[in-house]
Amino acid sequence: MRNFTSLSVVAAVIFSMFSFESSAKEIDMKIKMAEFENTFMSNKYVSKVTVDAASIDQFYKKYPKLKKYQNDVLDLYKKKEYNAIWHDDKRVSEFGSLLYHKIRLLSDQGIKATMPYMDLVDDVFNESVSNKLPQIDTELLLSNMYVFYASNVYSGVDPATLKKIGWFLPAKSISYAKILDSLMVDPDRLNKDENLLFGQYYKLKAMLKKYRTIEQNNQWTKIDIDSATYKDLKPFDSGVAVKQIRTRLFVVGDLAQDSKRDVYDEEMMAGILKYKKRYGLKLNYALTREHINQMNEPIGNRIKTIMLNMERCRWIPANLAQASEYIMVNIPSFVLVYVKDGKYELMSDVFVGTRMTETVIFSGMMDRIVFSPYWYVPQSIIKNELKLKMAEDKNYLADHNMEWNGGNVRQKPGPKNSLGLVKFMFPNPNDIYLHDTPAKSLFDFEKRIFSHGCINVKEAKGLALAILKDNPDWPVDKIDQAMSGEKETTCTLKNKIPIYIGYFTAWVNNDGEIGFYPDVYDRDPQLDKLLYSDAVAAK
């Protein structure tokens, strides 16, 4: 009996050992399979990309056309501690795919640039391509794709070039690394982010889509007239051209419906006024040959104008319009707006510098208002104009209320003073300021380029009243007295007001209506050549 029991114990021990060994082998096999799978996945995909300064330098030797982005790409990886950016545990990240989709639609942003080696980027996202690039190449190509996208969409032309073309508004300063972090946290910002782009940009983008749709649908039909015999169209005239104009007004949104009538009726009169207002034209009902010629400009010209002004919006700091108070002058539209707490407190017509004495595109801080000012005549005007007139007429200075003052000439305060009865000062090296004018008749012209560079404001008194509205030290009666023209009086502002003098030949207002304005200084062709020259393949 004892022998049987001993035999049973030995058998049990042997069986137990065999079972344990079998289980251990199974567990070991599972571990080895897991290790194999991990190794396989690491080789098949790109979850362990090693990025360092040396590999980045080597990349640009292999892809020299991307060299201009090297410093920005290096900065991205420094911020990421040289970890891979564009790959998750298995493949190119979802955000990488989303960015690729956006870069294939750059035309929607009004951009024609093409990234070098874009065919290789296409292969990264083409599943049918079996011969893939090395992992490090893919990673760095996508980083260059991002910098290419961000520099074109969010920055535009570089600050040094802007100064060369005479744009002296504050340069936009952005970090591509910080932008990338914000986009990866919230990819919807790729569609719209007014912290990155000036709000006007997105309004113009919507108009670009609208006008391209009009073009694609062949709705921009020509208005038929005989230029040799054409007579101005007036209310209640009729004809084929009237019907065609009505259709155009409907297509662009100046009329809510197209009645197909060939009579210039009251409904069409309202549409014409909207059209003329959008183009900065005199608000009357006459349709001249020049107006018809303007309507007959190819829609491609309008589309190009929108694209050029989208580019200008890229140069503007995104928070400009978020200031509690500012003044903006748009040279091509000859309009000034004073904005306070997000509302238009005042709009006024202006006239600006001639082609020989262009008003400079720049910004400043208004610090004072001068009532009944002296006008200190610039030396250039004395040399080029006054000396000749004084030589011809010894009483010229007295007749024009002028006097010598310490070797300079100045015009005394008064209603005939060239600065009118008030000027708005913001120190700047260009010696440009806003001011009133006695030449009110000049505001009747559509193309208002008459000054020596300063900005003449039609509603100058209204602007002063609006600015000082909440200042108890300057009630209306005190302002009236200061503007009597008897003596110069200065009001120092408690808070300086930013002034921006810009140049936009297309602008969308708060009602969603786009205005097109004359390119008075011929800046559009210059920018067009810079951006869209056939020789320029990429930004």
Protein backbone atom coordinates (compact mmCIF):
# COMPACT_ATOMS: atom_id res chain seq x y z
CA MET A 1 0.00 0.00 0.00
CA ARG A 2 2.84 2.31 0.95
CA ASN A 3 4.56 1.54 -2.39
CA PHE A 4 1.43 2.45 -4.35
CA THR A 5 1.11 5.75 -2.51
CA SER A 6 4.73 6.66 -3.19
CA LEU A 7 4.31 5.81 -6.86
CA SER A 8 1.23 8.05 -7.05
CA VAL A 9 3.11 10.98 -5.51
CA VAL A 10 6.01 10.59 -7.95
CA ALA A 11 3.59 10.43 -10.90
CA ALA A 12 1.80 13.54 -9.70
CA VAL A 13 5.04 15.45 -9.35
CA ILE A 14 6.19 14.39 -12.84
CA PHE A 15 2.83 15.37 -14.37
CA SER A 16 2.91 18.71 -12.58
CA MET A 17 6.41 19.43 -13.84
CA PHE A 18 5.42 18.52 -17.40
CA SER A 19 2.34 20.79 -17.25
CA PHE A 20 4.39 23.71 -15.89
CA GLU A 21 7.02 23.28 -18.60
CA SER A 22 4.34 23.20 -21.26
CA SER A 23 2.68 26.37 -19.95
CA ALA A 24 6.03 28.12 -19.69
CA LYS A 25 6.81 27.26 -23.31
CA GLU A 26 3.41 28.61 -24.39
CA ILE A 27 3.94 31.83 -22.46
CA ASP A 28 7.44 32.18 -23.84
CA MET A 29 6.09 31.63 -27.36
CA LYS A 30 3.48 34.37 -26.87
CA ILE A 31 6.16 36.78 -25.65
CA LYS A 32 8.35 36.01 -28.64
CA MET A 33 5.37 36.50 -31.02
CA ALA A 34 4.59 39.84 -29.40
CA GLU A 35 8.20 40.92 -29.75
CA PHE A 36 8.17 39.84 -33.39
CA GLU A 37 4.95 41.75 -34.08
CA ASN A 38 6.33 44.88 -32.44
CA THR A 39 9.52 44.61 -34.45
CA PHE A 40 7.55 44.01 -37.64
CA MET A 41 5.25 46.96 -37.04
CA SER A 42 8.22 49.19 -36.26
CA ASN A 43 9.84 48.24 -39.54
CA LYS A 44 6.68 48.40 -41.63
CA TYR A 45 5.52 51.75 -40.27
CA VAL A 46 7.52 54.66 -38.89
CA SER A 47 6.97 54.89 -35.17
CA LYS A 48 10.66 55.16 -34.28
CA VAL A 49 11.93 57.90 -36.57
CA THR A 50 15.14 59.36 -35.22
CA VAL A 51 15.50 63.08 -35.93
CA ASP A 52 18.56 65.13 -35.06
CA ALA A 53 20.44 68.13 -36.41
CA ALA A 54 22.72 65.93 -38.49
CA SER A 55 19.85 64.12 -40.21
CA ILE A 56 18.16 67.45 -40.90
CA ASP A 57 21.33 68.83 -42.45
CA GLN A 58 21.71 65.71 -44.57
CA PHE A 59 18.08 66.01 -45.73
CA TYR A 60 18.67 69.47 -47.22
CA LYS A 61 21.70 68.25 -49.11
CA LYS A 62 19.43 65.66 -50.69
CA TYR A 63 16.55 68.12 -51.27
CA PRO A 64 18.25 71.50 -51.89
CA LYS A 65 15.13 73.25 -53.24
CA LEU A 66 13.73 73.20 -49.68
CA LYS A 67 16.84 74.76 -48.14
CA LYS A 68 15.04 78.06 -47.39
CA TYR A 69 12.89 76.27 -44.80
CA GLN A 70 15.78 74.65 -42.89
CA ASN A 71 15.95 77.08 -39.96
CA ASP A 72 12.20 76.95 -39.40
CA VAL A 73 12.15 73.15 -39.58
CA LEU A 74 15.08 72.90 -37.18
CA ASP A 75 13.19 75.16 -34.78
CA LEU A 76 10.15 72.83 -34.95
CA TYR A 77 12.23 69.85 -33.84
CA LYS A 78 14.05 71.76 -31.12
CA LYS A 79 10.67 72.65 -29.62
CA LYS A 80 9.62 68.98 -29.92
CA GLU A 81 12.91 67.76 -28.40
CA TYR A 82 13.68 66.06 -31.73
CA ASN A 83 10.71 63.71 -31.50
CA ALA A 84 8.85 62.74 -34.66
CA ILE A 85 5.99 65.15 -35.43
CA TRP A 86 4.02 63.54 -38.23
CA HIS A 87 3.69 59.89 -37.23
CA ASP A 88 1.63 58.19 -34.56
CA ASP A 89 2.24 54.58 -33.43
CA LYS A 90 1.43 53.14 -36.84
CA ARG A 91 1.35 55.63 -39.69
CA VAL A 92 1.22 59.28 -40.73
CA SER A 93 -0.97 61.05 -38.21
CA GLU A 94 -4.50 62.19 -38.96
CA PHE A 95 -3.38 65.80 -38.64
CA GLY A 96 -0.66 65.19 -41.24
CA SER A 97 -3.28 63.86 -43.65
CA LEU A 98 -5.53 66.84 -42.93
CA LEU A 99 -2.72 69.31 -43.61
CA TYR A 100 -1.92 67.52 -46.87
CA HIS A 101 -5.56 67.90 -47.91
CA LYS A 102 -5.39 71.65 -47.17
CA ILE A 103 -2.22 72.12 -49.15
CA ARG A 104 -3.84 70.48 -52.17
CA LEU A 105 -6.51 73.20 -51.94
CA LEU A 106 -4.19 76.22 -51.74
CA SER A 107 -6.06 77.77 -54.65
CA ASP A 108 -8.99 78.34 -52.27
CA GLN A 109 -6.65 80.61 -50.30
CA GLY A 110 -5.83 82.62 -53.42
CA ILE A 111 -2.36 81.07 -53.63
CA LYS A 112 -0.72 79.70 -56.77
CA ALA A 113 2.62 78.59 -55.29
CA THR A 114 3.67 74.93 -55.58
CA MET A 115 5.93 73.23 -53.07
CA PRO A 116 9.13 71.71 -54.50
CA TYR A 117 9.12 67.88 -54.51
CA MET A 118 5.34 67.86 -54.15
CA ASP A 119 5.22 64.67 -56.20
CA LEU A 120 7.13 62.89 -53.43
CA VAL A 121 4.69 64.21 -50.84
CA ASP A 122 1.84 62.90 -52.98
CA ASP A 123 3.45 59.45 -52.91
CA VAL A 124 3.46 59.47 -49.10
CA PHE A 125 -0.33 59.64 -49.13
CA ASN A 126 -0.84 57.34 -52.10
CA GLU A 127 -1.47 53.81 -50.80
CA SER A 128 -0.87 52.30 -54.23
CA VAL A 129 2.77 53.42 -54.20
CA SER A 130 4.83 50.50 -52.90
CA ASN A 131 8.31 51.99 -53.13
CA LYS A 132 8.13 54.36 -50.17
CA LEU A 133 10.75 56.92 -49.18
CA PRO A 134 13.03 56.32 -46.19
CA GLN A 135 11.28 57.05 -42.93
CA ILE A 136 13.37 60.12 -42.12
CA ASP A 137 12.73 61.59 -45.58
CA THR A 138 8.99 61.23 -45.14
CA GLU A 139 9.09 62.85 -41.70
CA LEU A 140 11.13 65.85 -42.84
CA LEU A 141 9.21 66.28 -46.10
CA LEU A 142 6.03 66.69 -44.08
CA SER A 143 7.70 69.24 -41.80
CA ASN A 144 8.73 71.21 -44.87
CA MET A 145 5.20 70.88 -46.21
CA TYR A 146 3.91 72.45 -43.00
CA VAL A 147 6.37 75.38 -43.10
CA PHE A 148 5.59 75.91 -46.80
CA TYR A 149 1.87 76.02 -45.99
CA ALA A 150 2.23 78.27 -42.93
CA SER A 151 4.58 80.72 -44.64
CA ASN A 152 2.27 81.10 -47.65
CA VAL A 153 -1.06 81.23 -45.82
CA TYR A 154 -0.21 82.93 -42.52
CA SER A 155 2.79 85.15 -43.37
CA GLY A 156 2.81 86.01 -47.06
CA VAL A 157 5.56 88.22 -48.45
CA ASP A 158 8.50 88.61 -46.06
CA PRO A 159 8.95 91.93 -44.15
CA ALA A 160 12.12 92.94 -46.03
CA THR A 161 10.31 92.71 -49.37
CA LEU A 162 7.34 94.63 -47.97
CA LYS A 163 9.55 97.59 -47.17
CA LYS A 164 10.98 97.50 -50.68
CA ILE A 165 7.48 97.82 -52.14
CA GLY A 166 6.58 100.67 -49.77
CA TRP A 167 4.44 98.89 -47.16
CA PHE A 168 5.40 100.20 -43.72
CA LEU A 169 2.52 98.99 -41.58
CA PRO A 170 3.60 96.92 -38.54
CA ALA A 171 5.13 93.61 -39.61
CA LYS A 172 3.37 90.49 -38.40
CA SER A 173 5.45 88.35 -36.05
CA ILE A 174 4.50 84.68 -35.73
CA SER A 175 6.13 81.44 -34.58
CA TYR A 176 5.53 78.44 -36.83
CA ALA A 177 6.27 76.13 -33.88
CA LYS A 178 3.59 77.76 -31.70
CA ILE A 179 1.12 77.79 -34.57
CA LEU A 180 1.73 74.07 -35.12
CA ASP A 181 0.98 73.31 -31.46
CA SER A 182 -2.31 75.24 -31.61
CA LEU A 183 -3.34 73.58 -34.90
CA MET A 184 -2.60 70.08 -33.62
CA VAL A 185 -4.69 70.73 -30.51
CA ASP A 186 -7.56 72.17 -32.59
CA PRO A 187 -7.31 71.22 -36.29
CA ASP A 188 -10.48 73.23 -37.06
CA ARG A 189 -8.22 76.28 -36.92
CA LEU A 190 -6.95 75.26 -40.34
CA ASN A 191 -10.33 76.37 -41.68
CA LYS A 192 -10.59 79.66 -39.81
CA ASP A 193 -8.55 81.29 -37.07
CA GLU A 194 -8.85 85.03 -36.59
CA ASN A 195 -5.98 84.85 -34.11
CA LEU A 196 -3.73 84.03 -37.06
CA LEU A 197 -5.29 85.99 -39.92
CA PHE A 198 -6.91 89.41 -40.07
CA GLY A 199 -10.70 88.94 -40.18
CA GLN A 200 -11.01 90.69 -43.56
CA TYR A 201 -9.04 87.78 -45.06
CA TYR A 202 -11.89 85.32 -44.52
CA LYS A 203 -14.44 87.75 -45.97
CA LEU A 204 -12.36 88.06 -49.13
CA LYS A 205 -11.90 84.29 -49.23
CA ALA A 206 -15.70 83.86 -49.31
CA MET A 207 -15.87 86.40 -52.15
CA LEU A 208 -13.16 84.55 -54.05
CA LYS A 209 -15.33 81.45 -53.96
CA LYS A 210 -18.39 83.42 -55.08
CA TYR A 211 -16.67 85.08 -58.05
CA ARG A 212 -15.04 81.83 -59.16
CA THR A 213 -18.47 80.20 -59.14
CA ILE A 214 -19.82 83.05 -61.29
CA GLU A 215 -16.93 82.48 -63.69
CA GLN A 216 -17.42 78.71 -63.81
CA ASN A 217 -21.14 79.11 -64.48
CA ASN A 218 -20.49 81.61 -67.32
CA GLN A 219 -22.70 84.21 -65.62
CA TRP A 220 -20.37 87.14 -66.32
CA THR A 221 -21.91 87.95 -69.68
CA LYS A 222 -20.86 90.93 -71.75
CA ILE A 223 -23.03 94.05 -71.90
CA ASP A 224 -23.52 94.93 -75.56
CA ILE A 225 -23.16 98.58 -76.55
CA ASP A 226 -21.86 100.48 -79.55
CA SER A 227 -19.10 102.61 -78.03
CA ALA A 228 -19.18 105.02 -80.97
CA THR A 229 -22.87 105.91 -80.63
CA TYR A 230 -23.49 105.17 -76.94
CA LYS A 231 -25.46 107.73 -74.96
CA ASP A 232 -25.68 107.74 -71.17
CA LEU A 233 -28.43 105.51 -69.84
CA LYS A 234 -30.92 107.27 -67.54
CA PRO A 235 -33.93 106.10 -65.52
CA PHE A 236 -36.79 104.73 -67.65
CA ASP A 237 -34.59 104.21 -70.72
CA SER A 238 -34.98 100.79 -72.31
CA GLY A 239 -33.01 98.39 -74.46
CA VAL A 240 -31.04 95.16 -74.56
CA ALA A 241 -28.17 96.69 -72.58
CA VAL A 242 -30.54 97.56 -69.73
CA LYS A 243 -31.67 93.94 -69.50
CA GLN A 244 -28.05 92.74 -69.52
CA ILE A 245 -27.04 95.23 -66.81
CA ARG A 246 -29.98 94.09 -64.68
CA THR A 247 -28.79 90.48 -64.95
CA ARG A 248 -25.26 91.50 -63.94
CA LEU A 249 -26.58 93.37 -60.89
CA PHE A 250 -28.48 90.24 -59.87
CA VAL A 251 -25.50 87.94 -60.37
CA VAL A 252 -23.19 90.02 -58.16
CA GLY A 253 -25.86 90.63 -55.51
CA ASP A 254 -26.88 94.24 -56.08
CA LEU A 255 -30.40 93.08 -56.97
CA ALA A 256 -32.30 90.40 -55.06
CA GLN A 257 -34.03 89.14 -58.24
CA ASP A 258 -33.81 89.38 -62.01
CA SER A 259 -37.14 90.46 -63.47
CA LYS A 260 -35.67 90.23 -67.02
CA ARG A 261 -37.19 93.64 -67.82
CA ASP A 262 -35.41 95.82 -70.36
CA VAL A 263 -36.60 99.04 -68.71
CA TYR A 264 -34.40 101.05 -66.32
CA ASP A 265 -37.05 101.06 -63.58
CA GLU A 266 -36.98 102.02 -59.89
CA GLU A 267 -35.88 98.53 -58.80
CA MET A 268 -32.86 98.79 -61.08
CA MET A 269 -32.12 102.32 -59.83
CA ALA A 270 -31.63 100.93 -56.31
CA GLY A 271 -29.32 98.25 -57.68
CA ILE A 272 -27.26 100.81 -59.59
CA LEU A 273 -26.76 102.87 -56.44
CA LYS A 274 -25.52 99.77 -54.58
CA TYR A 275 -23.17 98.98 -57.46
CA LYS A 276 -21.77 102.51 -57.58
CA LYS A 277 -21.28 102.63 -53.84
CA ARG A 278 -19.30 99.38 -53.97
CA TYR A 279 -17.02 100.84 -56.64
CA GLY A 280 -16.56 104.21 -54.95
CA LEU A 281 -18.42 106.04 -57.74
CA LYS A 282 -20.60 109.15 -57.53
CA LEU A 283 -24.05 108.14 -56.37
CA ASN A 284 -26.31 109.09 -59.26
CA TYR A 285 -28.38 107.13 -61.76
CA ALA A 286 -26.46 107.94 -64.96
CA LEU A 287 -24.66 105.03 -66.62
CA THR A 288 -21.86 106.34 -68.79
CA ARG A 289 -19.76 104.48 -71.33
CA GLU A 290 -16.99 104.35 -68.72
CA HIS A 291 -19.35 102.55 -66.32
CA ILE A 292 -20.24 99.97 -68.97
CA ASN A 293 -16.58 99.46 -69.83
CA GLN A 294 -15.93 98.85 -66.15
CA MET A 295 -18.71 96.26 -66.03
CA ASN A 296 -17.23 94.58 -69.09
CA GLU A 297 -13.82 94.03 -67.51
CA PRO A 298 -13.12 90.27 -67.44
CA ILE A 299 -14.18 88.57 -64.24
CA GLY A 300 -10.67 87.17 -64.07
CA ASN A 301 -9.50 90.71 -63.24
CA ARG A 302 -11.90 90.85 -60.29
CA ILE A 303 -10.73 87.43 -59.10
CA LYS A 304 -7.09 88.52 -59.31
CA THR A 305 -7.88 91.70 -57.36
CA ILE A 306 -9.46 89.65 -54.58
CA MET A 307 -6.42 87.36 -54.43
CA LEU A 308 -4.01 90.30 -54.24
CA ASN A 309 -5.90 91.81 -51.35
CA MET A 310 -6.06 88.48 -49.53
CA GLU A 311 -2.26 88.59 -49.68
CA ARG A 312 -2.24 92.09 -48.19
CA CYS A 313 -4.41 90.82 -45.35
CA ARG A 314 -1.71 88.24 -44.51
CA TRP A 315 0.66 91.09 -43.67
CA ILE A 316 -1.73 92.66 -41.14
CA PRO A 317 -1.48 91.67 -37.46
CA ALA A 318 -4.57 89.59 -36.73
CA ASN A 319 -5.43 91.58 -33.60
CA LEU A 320 -5.50 94.96 -35.35
CA ALA A 321 -9.29 95.19 -35.47
CA GLN A 322 -9.54 93.99 -31.86
CA ALA A 323 -8.17 97.28 -30.50
CA SER A 324 -10.67 99.25 -28.42
CA GLU A 325 -10.13 102.33 -30.58
CA TYR A 326 -8.40 102.98 -33.91
CA ILE A 327 -8.55 104.94 -37.16
CA MET A 328 -8.05 103.33 -40.54
CA VAL A 329 -7.61 105.07 -43.88
CA ASN A 330 -7.85 103.08 -47.10
CA ILE A 331 -6.12 105.04 -49.85
CA PRO A 332 -7.86 103.48 -52.93
CA SER A 333 -11.37 103.91 -51.49
CA PHE A 334 -10.62 107.47 -50.25
CA VAL A 335 -12.39 106.66 -46.99
CA LEU A 336 -11.50 107.02 -43.30
CA VAL A 337 -13.20 105.07 -40.53
CA TYR A 338 -12.98 105.73 -36.80
CA VAL A 339 -13.77 102.61 -34.78
CA LYS A 340 -14.43 102.52 -31.06
CA ASP A 341 -15.49 99.49 -29.03
CA GLY A 342 -16.02 97.53 -32.23
CA LYS A 343 -18.43 100.09 -33.75
CA TYR A 344 -17.97 102.58 -36.57
CA GLU A 345 -18.21 105.93 -34.81
CA LEU A 346 -17.53 107.90 -37.99
CA MET A 347 -16.86 107.41 -41.69
CA SER A 348 -15.55 110.21 -43.87
CA ASP A 349 -14.40 110.80 -47.42
CA VAL A 350 -10.77 111.84 -47.78
CA PHE A 351 -8.39 112.88 -50.49
CA VAL A 352 -4.77 111.78 -50.55
CA GLY A 353 -1.42 112.40 -52.23
CA THR A 354 -0.86 112.70 -55.96
CA ARG A 355 1.19 110.20 -57.97
CA MET A 356 4.19 112.51 -57.50
CA THR A 357 3.62 112.84 -53.74
CA GLU A 358 2.06 109.54 -52.76
CA THR A 359 0.61 109.07 -49.29
CA VAL A 360 2.81 106.57 -47.47
CA ILE A 361 1.43 103.24 -46.25
CA PHE A 362 2.33 103.15 -42.57
CA SER A 363 0.94 103.46 -39.02
CA GLY A 364 1.30 105.83 -36.12
CA MET A 365 -0.15 106.83 -32.76
CA MET A 366 -2.27 109.98 -32.68
CA ASP A 367 -1.32 111.93 -29.58
CA ARG A 368 -2.90 115.36 -30.07
CA ILE A 369 -5.45 117.43 -31.94
CA VAL A 370 -4.53 120.96 -33.00
CA PHE A 371 -7.40 123.41 -33.53
CA SER A 372 -7.03 126.49 -35.77
CA PRO A 373 -3.50 125.40 -36.70
CA TYR A 374 -0.68 127.23 -38.34
CA TRP A 375 0.51 125.57 -41.53
CA TYR A 376 4.29 125.41 -41.67
CA VAL A 377 5.01 125.16 -45.37
CA PRO A 378 7.43 122.30 -46.18
CA GLN A 379 10.77 123.37 -47.65
CA SER A 380 10.06 121.32 -50.77
CA ILE A 381 6.95 123.41 -51.47
CA ILE A 382 8.80 126.66 -50.74
CA LYS A 383 11.58 125.67 -53.14
CA ASN A 384 9.45 124.22 -55.92
CA GLU A 385 6.37 126.43 -55.76
CA LEU A 386 6.36 129.44 -53.41
CA LYS A 387 9.62 131.07 -54.49
CA LEU A 388 8.42 131.31 -58.08
CA LYS A 389 5.06 132.74 -57.01
CA MET A 390 6.71 135.24 -54.64
CA ALA A 391 9.02 136.33 -57.44
CA GLU A 392 6.01 136.99 -59.67
CA ASP A 393 3.95 138.71 -56.93
CA LYS A 394 5.62 140.50 -54.01
CA ASN A 395 2.31 140.50 -52.11
CA TYR A 396 1.75 136.76 -52.51
CA LEU A 397 2.44 135.88 -48.84
CA ALA A 398 0.20 138.62 -47.45
CA ASP A 399 -2.59 137.83 -49.88
CA HIS A 400 -2.55 134.20 -48.73
CA ASN A 401 -2.37 134.99 -45.00
CA MET A 402 1.24 133.78 -44.83
CA GLU A 403 4.29 135.13 -43.01
CA TRP A 404 7.97 134.46 -42.54
CA ASN A 405 8.79 132.76 -39.25
CA GLY A 406 12.43 132.15 -38.37
CA GLY A 407 13.48 131.48 -41.93
CA ASN A 408 10.37 129.41 -42.64
CA VAL A 409 7.03 130.29 -44.13
CA ARG A 410 3.82 129.62 -42.24
CA GLN A 411 0.17 130.28 -42.95
CA LYS A 412 -1.78 131.89 -40.13
CA PRO A 413 -4.88 130.23 -38.59
CA GLY A 414 -8.19 130.90 -40.28
CA PRO A 415 -10.87 129.39 -42.52
CA LYS A 416 -8.63 129.69 -45.62
CA ASN A 417 -5.68 127.94 -43.99
CA SER A 418 -4.60 124.97 -46.11
CA LEU A 419 -5.04 122.71 -43.07
CA GLY A 420 -8.54 124.01 -42.44
CA LEU A 421 -9.57 124.42 -38.83
CA VAL A 422 -8.19 121.24 -37.26
CA LYS A 423 -5.35 118.78 -37.72
CA PHE A 424 -4.68 115.40 -36.10
CA MET A 425 -1.06 114.71 -35.24
CA PHE A 426 0.76 111.37 -35.02
CA PRO A 427 4.57 111.81 -35.04
CA ASN A 428 6.21 110.10 -38.02
CA PRO A 429 9.29 110.58 -40.22
CA ASN A 430 7.11 111.18 -43.29
CA ASP A 431 5.56 114.36 -41.83
CA ILE A 432 2.08 113.08 -42.72
CA TYR A 433 -1.03 113.87 -40.72
CA LEU A 434 -4.80 114.14 -41.03
CA HIS A 435 -6.36 117.56 -41.41
CA ASP A 436 -9.34 119.61 -42.45
CA THR A 437 -9.33 121.53 -45.73
CA PRO A 438 -11.01 124.62 -47.16
CA ALA A 439 -11.09 122.92 -50.59
CA LYS A 440 -14.38 121.10 -50.00
CA SER A 441 -15.20 120.96 -53.71
CA LEU A 442 -12.42 118.43 -54.24
CA PHE A 443 -14.50 115.82 -52.44
CA ASP A 444 -16.92 115.85 -55.38
CA PHE A 445 -14.38 114.00 -57.51
CA GLU A 446 -14.33 110.20 -57.67
CA LYS A 447 -10.55 109.86 -57.93
CA ARG A 448 -9.28 112.08 -55.14
CA ILE A 449 -5.49 112.39 -55.37
CA PHE A 450 -4.72 116.07 -54.82
CA SER A 451 -2.53 116.55 -51.75
CA HIS A 452 1.21 116.67 -51.12
CA GLY A 453 0.90 113.43 -49.12
CA CYS A 454 -1.21 114.37 -46.12
CA ILE A 455 -4.76 113.08 -45.74
CA ASN A 456 -7.50 115.69 -46.09
CA VAL A 457 -10.63 114.74 -44.16
CA LYS A 458 -14.07 115.93 -45.25
CA GLU A 459 -15.66 115.35 -41.83
CA ALA A 460 -12.69 116.69 -39.86
CA LYS A 461 -14.79 118.45 -37.25
CA GLY A 462 -16.98 115.37 -36.86
CA LEU A 463 -13.87 113.29 -36.26
CA ALA A 464 -12.69 115.66 -33.54
CA LEU A 465 -16.12 115.59 -31.89
CA ALA A 466 -16.21 111.78 -32.02
CA ILE A 467 -12.74 111.40 -30.51
CA LEU A 468 -13.43 113.88 -27.69
CA LYS A 469 -17.03 112.82 -27.09
CA ASP A 470 -16.28 111.29 -23.69
CA ASN A 471 -13.71 113.88 -22.63
CA PRO A 472 -15.33 116.25 -20.10
CA ASP A 473 -12.53 118.79 -20.57
CA TRP A 474 -13.56 119.30 -24.20
CA PRO A 475 -17.29 119.94 -24.52
CA VAL A 476 -18.76 120.87 -27.90
CA ASP A 477 -18.81 124.63 -27.23
CA LYS A 478 -15.10 124.60 -26.34
CA ILE A 479 -14.31 122.75 -29.56
CA ASP A 480 -16.38 125.29 -31.53
CA GLN A 481 -14.46 128.14 -29.95
CA ALA A 482 -11.11 126.46 -30.60
CA MET A 483 -12.09 126.07 -34.28
CA SER A 484 -12.98 129.73 -34.70
CA GLY A 485 -9.69 130.31 -36.53
CA GLU A 486 -8.44 132.97 -34.13
CA LYS A 487 -5.50 131.21 -32.47
CA GLU A 488 -3.84 127.82 -32.44
CA THR A 489 -4.98 125.58 -29.57
CA THR A 490 -3.71 122.09 -28.81
CA CYS A 491 -5.59 119.23 -27.14
CA THR A 492 -3.32 116.45 -25.86
CA LEU A 493 -5.16 113.13 -25.92
CA LYS A 494 -5.37 111.12 -22.70
CA ASN A 495 -5.04 107.89 -24.68
CA LYS A 496 -3.13 107.69 -27.93
CA ILE A 497 -5.11 106.34 -30.89
CA PRO A 498 -3.58 103.94 -33.42
CA ILE A 499 -3.82 105.10 -37.03
CA TYR A 500 -3.37 102.71 -39.93
CA ILE A 501 -2.96 103.97 -43.48
CA GLY A 502 -3.49 100.99 -45.77
CA TYR A 503 -3.92 100.12 -49.42
CA PHE A 504 -6.73 97.72 -50.37
CA THR A 505 -8.27 97.72 -53.83
CA ALA A 506 -10.92 95.23 -52.68
CA TRP A 507 -12.66 95.26 -49.31
CA VAL A 508 -15.73 93.48 -47.90
CA ASN A 509 -17.86 95.56 -45.54
CA ASN A 510 -19.77 94.40 -42.47
CA ASP A 511 -22.84 93.71 -44.64
CA GLY A 512 -20.89 91.21 -46.72
CA GLU A 513 -20.70 93.50 -49.78
CA ILE A 514 -17.43 93.71 -51.67
CA GLY A 515 -16.10 97.01 -52.91
CA PHE A 516 -13.60 97.36 -55.76
CA TYR A 517 -11.54 100.56 -55.84
CA PRO A 518 -9.14 102.24 -58.29
CA ASP A 519 -5.50 101.23 -58.03
CA VAL A 520 -4.45 104.89 -57.84
CA TYR A 521 -0.75 104.19 -57.30
CA ASP A 522 -0.54 101.16 -59.64
CA ARG A 523 0.43 98.82 -56.82
CA ASP A 524 -1.62 95.81 -57.94
CA PRO A 525 0.50 95.00 -61.03
CA GLN A 526 3.63 95.28 -58.90
CA LEU A 527 2.28 92.81 -56.34
CA ASP A 528 0.87 90.59 -59.09
CA LYS A 529 4.32 90.29 -60.66
CA LEU A 530 5.88 89.57 -57.27
CA LEU A 531 3.41 86.80 -56.42
CA TYR A 532 2.33 85.25 -59.68
CA SER A 533 5.20 85.66 -62.11
CA ASP A 534 5.69 82.53 -64.21
CA ALA A 535 9.26 82.48 -62.97
CA VAL A 536 8.09 82.06 -59.39
CA ALA A 537 7.28 78.40 -58.79
CA ALA A 538 7.03 78.57 -55.02
CA LYS A 539 7.04 81.00 -52.16
